[in-house]
Amino acid sequence: MMGSVGWWTRAMSTMEFKVVAASYDAAAQLLSYTATGLRNGLKFTVSSRVKCLKDPGSKERLHMVVLIALTEHFKRPSPSGLRW
């Protein structure tokens, strides 16, 4: 018996990325990063800054901070006005 595909499966996207460079400015509490990867089969590179109250410290925490930042970034419309 085949089930129907739910609305959430169409909305979900896949994203693979790696953090190419990152630095933390403790005085400004800003993490600057550059990440590159694939999202829904499209290649991307993002360089940005995100507010962090403390240094992420480990590679795992850095990866999580960048994942959250990229997720928020891709929620916004593209410069053309279309969704990523």
PDB file of N, CA and C in Angstrom:
ATOM      1  N   MET A   1       0.843  -1.177   0.000  1.00  0.00           N
ATOM      2  CA  MET A   1       0.000   0.000   0.000  1.00  0.00           C
ATOM      3  C   MET A   1       0.888   1.239   0.000  1.00  0.00           C
ATOM      4  N   MET A   2       0.626   2.135  -0.891  1.00  0.00           N
ATOM      5  CA  MET A   2       1.439   3.340  -0.989  1.00  0.00           C
ATOM      6  C   MET A   2       0.789   4.470  -0.218  1.00  0.00           C
ATOM      7  N   GLY A   3       1.599   5.177   0.541  1.00  0.00           N
ATOM      8  CA  GLY A   3       1.098   6.315   1.300  1.00  0.00           C
ATOM      9  C   GLY A   3       1.283   7.595   0.521  1.00  0.00           C
ATOM     10  N   SER A   4       0.584   8.589   0.927  1.00  0.00           N
ATOM     11  CA  SER A   4       0.729   9.879   0.255  1.00  0.00           C
ATOM     12  C   SER A   4       1.952  10.609   0.812  1.00  0.00           C
ATOM     13  N   VAL A   5       2.507  11.458   0.002  1.00  0.00           N
ATOM     14  CA  VAL A   5       3.650  12.251   0.418  1.00  0.00           C
ATOM     15  C   VAL A   5       3.120  13.466   1.150  1.00  0.00           C
ATOM     16  N   GLY A   6       3.620  13.689   2.359  1.00  0.00           N
ATOM     17  CA  GLY A   6       3.149  14.820   3.156  1.00  0.00           C
ATOM     18  C   GLY A   6       3.731  16.131   2.683  1.00  0.00           C
ATOM     19  N   TRP A   7       3.121  17.222   3.085  1.00  0.00           N
ATOM     20  CA  TRP A   7       3.564  18.549   2.693  1.00  0.00           C
ATOM     21  C   TRP A   7       4.979  18.830   3.173  1.00  0.00           C
ATOM     22  N   TRP A   8       5.376  18.234   4.303  1.00  0.00           N
ATOM     23  CA  TRP A   8       6.689  18.518   4.882  1.00  0.00           C
ATOM     24  C   TRP A   8       7.827  17.947   4.053  1.00  0.00           C
ATOM     25  N   THR A   9       7.602  16.892   3.281  1.00  0.00           N
ATOM     26  CA  THR A   9       8.681  16.321   2.485  1.00  0.00           C
ATOM     27  C   THR A   9       9.032  17.218   1.309  1.00  0.00           C
ATOM     28  N   ARG A  10       8.076  17.948   0.803  1.00  0.00           N
ATOM     29  CA  ARG A  10       8.363  18.875  -0.294  1.00  0.00           C
ATOM     30  C   ARG A  10       9.100  20.108   0.218  1.00  0.00           C
ATOM     31  N   ALA A  11       8.849  20.503   1.440  1.00  0.00           N
ATOM     32  CA  ALA A  11       9.447  21.715   1.991  1.00  0.00           C
ATOM     33  C   ALA A  11      10.863  21.473   2.530  1.00  0.00           C
ATOM     34  N   MET A  12      11.190  20.232   2.841  1.00  0.00           N
ATOM     35  CA  MET A  12      12.501  19.954   3.412  1.00  0.00           C
ATOM     36  C   MET A  12      13.573  20.045   2.327  1.00  0.00           C
ATOM     37  N   SER A  13      14.729  20.519   2.709  1.00  0.00           N
ATOM     38  CA  SER A  13      15.838  20.604   1.774  1.00  0.00           C
ATOM     39  C   SER A  13      17.051  19.913   2.384  1.00  0.00           C
ATOM     40  N   THR A  14      17.976  19.543   1.521  1.00  0.00           N
ATOM     41  CA  THR A  14      19.202  18.925   2.008  1.00  0.00           C
ATOM     42  C   THR A  14      20.338  19.924   1.870  1.00  0.00           C
ATOM     43  N   MET A  15      21.225  19.908   2.844  1.00  0.00           N
ATOM     44  CA  MET A  15      22.346  20.826   2.815  1.00  0.00           C
ATOM     45  C   MET A  15      23.567  20.129   3.398  1.00  0.00           C
ATOM     46  N   GLU A  16      24.644  20.185   2.649  1.00  0.00           N
ATOM     47  CA  GLU A  16      25.939  19.707   3.114  1.00  0.00           C
ATOM     48  C   GLU A  16      26.894  20.878   2.993  1.00  0.00           C
ATOM     49  N   PHE A  17      27.684  21.115   4.033  1.00  0.00           N
ATOM     50  CA  PHE A  17      28.614  22.230   3.973  1.00  0.00           C
ATOM     51  C   PHE A  17      29.820  21.965   4.846  1.00  0.00           C
ATOM     52  N   LYS A  18      30.871  22.743   4.591  1.00  0.00           N
ATOM     53  CA  LYS A  18      32.023  22.726   5.489  1.00  0.00           C
ATOM     54  C   LYS A  18      32.435  24.163   5.738  1.00  0.00           C
ATOM     55  N   VAL A  19      32.936  24.397   6.924  1.00  0.00           N
ATOM     56  CA  VAL A  19      33.408  25.717   7.307  1.00  0.00           C
ATOM     57  C   VAL A  19      34.832  25.849   6.792  1.00  0.00           C
ATOM     58  N   VAL A  20      35.050  26.791   5.895  1.00  0.00           N
ATOM     59  CA  VAL A  20      36.359  26.981   5.272  1.00  0.00           C
ATOM     60  C   VAL A  20      37.252  27.829   6.175  1.00  0.00           C
ATOM     61  N   ALA A  21      36.688  28.871   6.770  1.00  0.00           N
ATOM     62  CA  ALA A  21      37.451  29.754   7.654  1.00  0.00           C
ATOM     63  C   ALA A  21      36.515  30.323   8.701  1.00  0.00           C
ATOM     64  N   ALA A  22      37.045  30.563   9.897  1.00  0.00           N
ATOM     65  CA  ALA A  22      36.253  31.156  10.970  1.00  0.00           C
ATOM     66  C   ALA A  22      37.183  31.842  11.960  1.00  0.00           C
ATOM     67  N   SER A  23      36.713  32.966  12.479  1.00  0.00           N
ATOM     68  CA  SER A  23      37.458  33.652  13.534  1.00  0.00           C
ATOM     69  C   SER A  23      36.449  34.317  14.464  1.00  0.00           C
ATOM     70  N   TYR A  24      36.822  34.377  15.750  1.00  0.00           N
ATOM     71  CA  TYR A  24      35.935  34.944  16.754  1.00  0.00           C
ATOM     72  C   TYR A  24      36.561  36.199  17.338  1.00  0.00           C
ATOM     73  N   ASP A  25      35.805  37.287  17.357  1.00  0.00           N
ATOM     74  CA  ASP A  25      36.233  38.541  17.957  1.00  0.00           C
ATOM     75  C   ASP A  25      35.539  38.657  19.314  1.00  0.00           C
ATOM     76  N   ALA A  26      36.295  38.416  20.391  1.00  0.00           N
ATOM     77  CA  ALA A  26      35.708  38.404  21.734  1.00  0.00           C
ATOM     78  C   ALA A  26      35.181  39.775  22.136  1.00  0.00           C
ATOM     79  N   ALA A  27      35.875  40.854  21.761  1.00  0.00           N
ATOM     80  CA  ALA A  27      35.445  42.201  22.143  1.00  0.00           C
ATOM     81  C   ALA A  27      34.094  42.550  21.515  1.00  0.00           C
ATOM     82  N   ALA A  28      33.916  42.197  20.251  1.00  0.00           N
ATOM     83  CA  ALA A  28      32.658  42.503  19.553  1.00  0.00           C
ATOM     84  C   ALA A  28      31.644  41.370  19.671  1.00  0.00           C
ATOM     85  N   GLN A  29      32.056  40.228  20.193  1.00  0.00           N
ATOM     86  CA  GLN A  29      31.223  39.024  20.305  1.00  0.00           C
ATOM     87  C   GLN A  29      30.661  38.616  18.944  1.00  0.00           C
ATOM     88  N   LEU A  30      31.539  38.621  17.932  1.00  0.00           N
ATOM     89  CA  LEU A  30      31.141  38.260  16.576  1.00  0.00           C
ATOM     90  C   LEU A  30      31.984  37.102  16.059  1.00  0.00           C
ATOM     91  N   LEU A  31      31.306  36.148  15.435  1.00  0.00           N
ATOM     92  CA  LEU A  31      31.974  35.051  14.755  1.00  0.00           C
ATOM     93  C   LEU A  31      31.890  35.332  13.262  1.00  0.00           C
ATOM     94  N   SER A  32      33.029  35.483  12.615  1.00  0.00           N
ATOM     95  CA  SER A  32      33.085  35.652  11.162  1.00  0.00           C
ATOM     96  C   SER A  32      33.397  34.301  10.562  1.00  0.00           C
ATOM     97  N   TYR A  33      32.669  33.922   9.529  1.00  0.00           N
ATOM     98  CA  TYR A  33      32.885  32.602   8.945  1.00  0.00           C
ATOM     99  C   TYR A  33      32.686  32.624   7.440  1.00  0.00           C
ATOM    100  N   THR A  34      33.283  31.651   6.790  1.00  0.00           N
ATOM    101  CA  THR A  34      33.049  31.361   5.386  1.00  0.00           C
ATOM    102  C   THR A  34      32.744  29.886   5.296  1.00  0.00           C
ATOM    103  N   ALA A  35      31.634  29.553   4.663  1.00  0.00           N
ATOM    104  CA  ALA A  35      31.215  28.162   4.500  1.00  0.00           C
ATOM    105  C   ALA A  35      30.891  27.912   3.034  1.00  0.00           C
ATOM    106  N   THR A  36      31.182  26.717   2.585  1.00  0.00           N
ATOM    107  CA  THR A  36      30.871  26.340   1.216  1.00  0.00           C
ATOM    108  C   THR A  36      30.226  24.962   1.232  1.00  0.00           C
ATOM    109  N   GLY A  37      29.366  24.703   0.261  1.00  0.00           N
ATOM    110  CA  GLY A  37      28.700  23.408   0.227  1.00  0.00           C
ATOM    111  C   GLY A  37      27.649  23.304  -0.856  1.00  0.00           C
ATOM    112  N   LEU A  38      26.744  22.341  -0.650  1.00  0.00           N
ATOM    113  CA  LEU A  38      25.649  22.085  -1.581  1.00  0.00           C
ATOM    114  C   LEU A  38      24.325  22.179  -0.842  1.00  0.00           C
ATOM    115  N   ARG A  39      23.356  22.812  -1.479  1.00  0.00           N
ATOM    116  CA  ARG A  39      21.990  22.852  -0.944  1.00  0.00           C
ATOM    117  C   ARG A  39      21.051  22.554  -2.095  1.00  0.00           C
ATOM    118  N   ASN A  40      20.323  21.474  -1.981  1.00  0.00           N
ATOM    119  CA  ASN A  40      19.408  21.017  -3.035  1.00  0.00           C
ATOM    120  C   ASN A  40      20.123  20.901  -4.377  1.00  0.00           C
ATOM    121  N   GLY A  41      21.357  20.435  -4.350  1.00  0.00           N
ATOM    122  CA  GLY A  41      22.125  20.236  -5.573  1.00  0.00           C
ATOM    123  C   GLY A  41      22.802  21.476  -6.120  1.00  0.00           C
ATOM    124  N   LEU A  42      22.625  22.620  -5.480  1.00  0.00           N
ATOM    125  CA  LEU A  42      23.240  23.869  -5.926  1.00  0.00           C
ATOM    126  C   LEU A  42      24.429  24.213  -5.036  1.00  0.00           C
ATOM    127  N   LYS A  43      25.528  24.604  -5.665  1.00  0.00           N
ATOM    128  CA  LYS A  43      26.734  24.941  -4.927  1.00  0.00           C
ATOM    129  C   LYS A  43      26.613  26.354  -4.365  1.00  0.00           C
ATOM    130  N   PHE A  44      27.064  26.557  -3.115  1.00  0.00           N
ATOM    131  CA  PHE A  44      27.019  27.884  -2.515  1.00  0.00           C
ATOM    132  C   PHE A  44      28.286  28.150  -1.712  1.00  0.00           C
ATOM    133  N   THR A  45      28.590  29.435  -1.569  1.00  0.00           N
ATOM    134  CA  THR A  45      29.627  29.918  -0.663  1.00  0.00           C
ATOM    135  C   THR A  45      29.049  31.124   0.052  1.00  0.00           C
ATOM    136  N   VAL A  46      29.126  31.118   1.378  1.00  0.00           N
ATOM    137  CA  VAL A  46      28.584  32.205   2.181  1.00  0.00           C
ATOM    138  C   VAL A  46      29.676  32.686   3.128  1.00  0.00           C
ATOM    139  N   SER A  47      29.887  33.994   3.146  1.00  0.00           N
ATOM    140  CA  SER A  47      30.761  34.635   4.130  1.00  0.00           C
ATOM    141  C   SER A  47      29.890  35.604   4.910  1.00  0.00           C
ATOM    142  N   SER A  48      29.919  35.469   6.230  1.00  0.00           N
ATOM    143  CA  SER A  48      29.036  36.301   7.035  1.00  0.00           C
ATOM    144  C   SER A  48      29.580  36.423   8.450  1.00  0.00           C
ATOM    145  N   ARG A  49      28.857  37.190   9.264  1.00  0.00           N
ATOM    146  CA  ARG A  49      29.168  37.322  10.688  1.00  0.00           C
ATOM    147  C   ARG A  49      27.903  37.035  11.473  1.00  0.00           C
ATOM    148  N   VAL A  50      28.092  36.470  12.644  1.00  0.00           N
ATOM    149  CA  VAL A  50      26.958  36.169  13.505  1.00  0.00           C
ATOM    150  C   VAL A  50      27.345  36.510  14.951  1.00  0.00           C
ATOM    151  N   LYS A  51      26.386  37.027  15.689  1.00  0.00           N
ATOM    152  CA  LYS A  51      26.619  37.389  17.088  1.00  0.00           C
ATOM    153  C   LYS A  51      26.696  36.130  17.933  1.00  0.00           C
ATOM    154  N   CYS A  52      27.772  35.980  18.690  1.00  0.00           N
ATOM    155  CA  CYS A  52      27.946  34.859  19.621  1.00  0.00           C
ATOM    156  C   CYS A  52      28.367  35.427  20.965  1.00  0.00           C
ATOM    157  N   LEU A  53      27.704  35.025  22.023  1.00  0.00           N
ATOM    158  CA  LEU A  53      28.049  35.550  23.338  1.00  0.00           C
ATOM    159  C   LEU A  53      29.380  35.029  23.840  1.00  0.00           C
ATOM    160  N   LYS A  54      29.797  33.847  23.344  1.00  0.00           N
ATOM    161  CA  LYS A  54      31.118  33.333  23.711  1.00  0.00           C
ATOM    162  C   LYS A  54      31.690  32.537  22.551  1.00  0.00           C
ATOM    163  N   ASP A  55      32.985  32.326  22.591  1.00  0.00           N
ATOM    164  CA  ASP A  55      33.701  31.597  21.551  1.00  0.00           C
ATOM    165  C   ASP A  55      33.142  30.172  21.460  1.00  0.00           C
ATOM    166  N   PRO A  56      32.780  29.710  20.248  1.00  0.00           N
ATOM    167  CA  PRO A  56      32.268  28.345  20.117  1.00  0.00           C
ATOM    168  C   PRO A  56      33.257  27.289  20.625  1.00  0.00           C
ATOM    169  N   GLY A  57      34.543  27.551  20.540  1.00  0.00           N
ATOM    170  CA  GLY A  57      35.542  26.648  21.111  1.00  0.00           C
ATOM    171  C   GLY A  57      35.863  25.442  20.257  1.00  0.00           C
ATOM    172  N   SER A  58      34.992  24.458  20.222  1.00  0.00           N
ATOM    173  CA  SER A  58      35.268  23.205  19.508  1.00  0.00           C
ATOM    174  C   SER A  58      34.753  23.272  18.067  1.00  0.00           C
ATOM    175  N   LYS A  59      35.256  22.369  17.239  1.00  0.00           N
ATOM    176  CA  LYS A  59      34.809  22.295  15.845  1.00  0.00           C
ATOM    177  C   LYS A  59      33.331  21.944  15.763  1.00  0.00           C
ATOM    178  N   GLU A  60      32.863  21.084  16.678  1.00  0.00           N
ATOM    179  CA  GLU A  60      31.456  20.679  16.673  1.00  0.00           C
ATOM    180  C   GLU A  60      30.545  21.868  16.965  1.00  0.00           C
ATOM    181  N   ARG A  61      30.924  22.677  17.956  1.00  0.00           N
ATOM    182  CA  ARG A  61      30.108  23.849  18.294  1.00  0.00           C
ATOM    183  C   ARG A  61      30.143  24.885  17.177  1.00  0.00           C
ATOM    184  N   LEU A  62      31.310  25.066  16.585  1.00  0.00           N
ATOM    185  CA  LEU A  62      31.440  25.983  15.451  1.00  0.00           C
ATOM    186  C   LEU A  62      30.521  25.546  14.315  1.00  0.00           C
ATOM    187  N   HIS A  63      30.513  24.252  14.022  1.00  0.00           N
ATOM    188  CA  HIS A  63      29.674  23.704  12.962  1.00  0.00           C
ATOM    189  C   HIS A  63      28.198  23.958  13.262  1.00  0.00           C
ATOM    190  N   MET A  64      27.787  23.792  14.509  1.00  0.00           N
ATOM    191  CA  MET A  64      26.383  24.025  14.880  1.00  0.00           C
ATOM    192  C   MET A  64      26.001  25.494  14.745  1.00  0.00           C
ATOM    193  N   VAL A  65      26.892  26.404  15.168  1.00  0.00           N
ATOM    194  CA  VAL A  65      26.614  27.836  15.044  1.00  0.00           C
ATOM    195  C   VAL A  65      26.439  28.208  13.578  1.00  0.00           C
ATOM    196  N   VAL A  66      27.328  27.713  12.718  1.00  0.00           N
ATOM    197  CA  VAL A  66      27.252  28.017  11.288  1.00  0.00           C
ATOM    198  C   VAL A  66      26.012  27.368  10.676  1.00  0.00           C
ATOM    199  N   LEU A  67      25.656  26.156  11.096  1.00  0.00           N
ATOM    200  CA  LEU A  67      24.441  25.506  10.603  1.00  0.00           C
ATOM    201  C   LEU A  67      23.207  26.350  10.903  1.00  0.00           C
ATOM    202  N   ILE A  68      23.114  26.842  12.120  1.00  0.00           N
ATOM    203  CA  ILE A  68      21.970  27.685  12.491  1.00  0.00           C
ATOM    204  C   ILE A  68      21.971  28.973  11.667  1.00  0.00           C
ATOM    205  N   ALA A  69      23.142  29.583  11.508  1.00  0.00           N
ATOM    206  CA  ALA A  69      23.235  30.826  10.733  1.00  0.00           C
ATOM    207  C   ALA A  69      22.854  30.590   9.272  1.00  0.00           C
ATOM    208  N   LEU A  70      23.329  29.487   8.676  1.00  0.00           N
ATOM    209  CA  LEU A  70      22.986  29.189   7.287  1.00  0.00           C
ATOM    210  C   LEU A  70      21.501  28.888   7.127  1.00  0.00           C
ATOM    211  N   THR A  71      20.928  28.184   8.088  1.00  0.00           N
ATOM    212  CA  THR A  71      19.488  27.889   8.050  1.00  0.00           C
ATOM    213  C   THR A  71      18.691  29.193   8.039  1.00  0.00           C
ATOM    214  N   GLU A  72      19.074  30.124   8.884  1.00  0.00           N
ATOM    215  CA  GLU A  72      18.403  31.426   8.912  1.00  0.00           C
ATOM    216  C   GLU A  72      18.636  32.188   7.606  1.00  0.00           C
ATOM    217  N   HIS A  73      19.853  32.097   7.089  1.00  0.00           N
ATOM    218  CA  HIS A  73      20.186  32.784   5.837  1.00  0.00           C
ATOM    219  C   HIS A  73      19.302  32.297   4.688  1.00  0.00           C
ATOM    220  N   PHE A  74      19.128  30.983   4.577  1.00  0.00           N
ATOM    221  CA  PHE A  74      18.357  30.434   3.468  1.00  0.00           C
ATOM    222  C   PHE A  74      16.849  30.579   3.656  1.00  0.00           C
ATOM    223  N   LYS A  75      16.395  31.022   4.826  1.00  0.00           N
ATOM    224  CA  LYS A  75      14.968  31.308   5.021  1.00  0.00           C
ATOM    225  C   LYS A  75      14.586  32.627   4.358  1.00  0.00           C
ATOM    226  N   ARG A  76      15.564  33.525   4.205  1.00  0.00           N
ATOM    227  CA  ARG A  76      15.315  34.824   3.594  1.00  0.00           C
ATOM    228  C   ARG A  76      15.209  34.706   2.082  1.00  0.00           C
ATOM    229  N   PRO A  77      14.454  35.583   1.439  1.00  0.00           N
ATOM    230  CA  PRO A  77      14.393  35.541  -0.034  1.00  0.00           C
ATOM    231  C   PRO A  77      15.746  35.888  -0.649  1.00  0.00           C
ATOM    232  N   SER A  78      16.004  35.366  -1.830  1.00  0.00           N
ATOM    233  CA  SER A  78      17.218  35.682  -2.560  1.00  0.00           C
ATOM    234  C   SER A  78      17.135  37.110  -3.096  1.00  0.00           C
ATOM    235  N   PRO A  79      18.241  37.669  -3.587  1.00  0.00           N
ATOM    236  CA  PRO A  79      18.179  39.024  -4.147  1.00  0.00           C
ATOM    237  C   PRO A  79      17.153  39.159  -5.281  1.00  0.00           C
ATOM    238  N   SER A  80      16.868  38.063  -5.984  1.00  0.00           N
ATOM    239  CA  SER A  80      15.877  38.126  -7.059  1.00  0.00           C
ATOM    240  C   SER A  80      14.444  38.114  -6.515  1.00  0.00           C
ATOM    241  N   GLY A  81      14.313  37.894  -5.204  1.00  0.00           N
ATOM    242  CA  GLY A  81      12.989  37.846  -4.597  1.00  0.00           C
ATOM    243  C   GLY A  81      12.416  36.449  -4.486  1.00  0.00           C
ATOM    244  N   LEU A  82      13.107  35.472  -5.054  1.00  0.00           N
ATOM    245  CA  LEU A  82      12.656  34.088  -5.000  1.00  0.00           C
ATOM    246  C   LEU A  82      13.236  33.377  -3.785  1.00  0.00           C
ATOM    247  N   ARG A  83      12.575  32.332  -3.351  1.00  0.00           N
ATOM    248  CA  ARG A  83      13.099  31.513  -2.260  1.00  0.00           C
ATOM    249  C   ARG A  83      14.261  30.691  -2.766  1.00  0.00           C
ATOM    250  N   TRP A  84      15.253  30.458  -1.902  1.00  0.00           N
ATOM    251  CA  TRP A  84      16.405  29.619  -2.259  1.00  0.00           C
ATOM    252  C   TRP A  84      15.907  28.276  -2.520  1.00  0.00           C
TER     253      TRP A  84
END
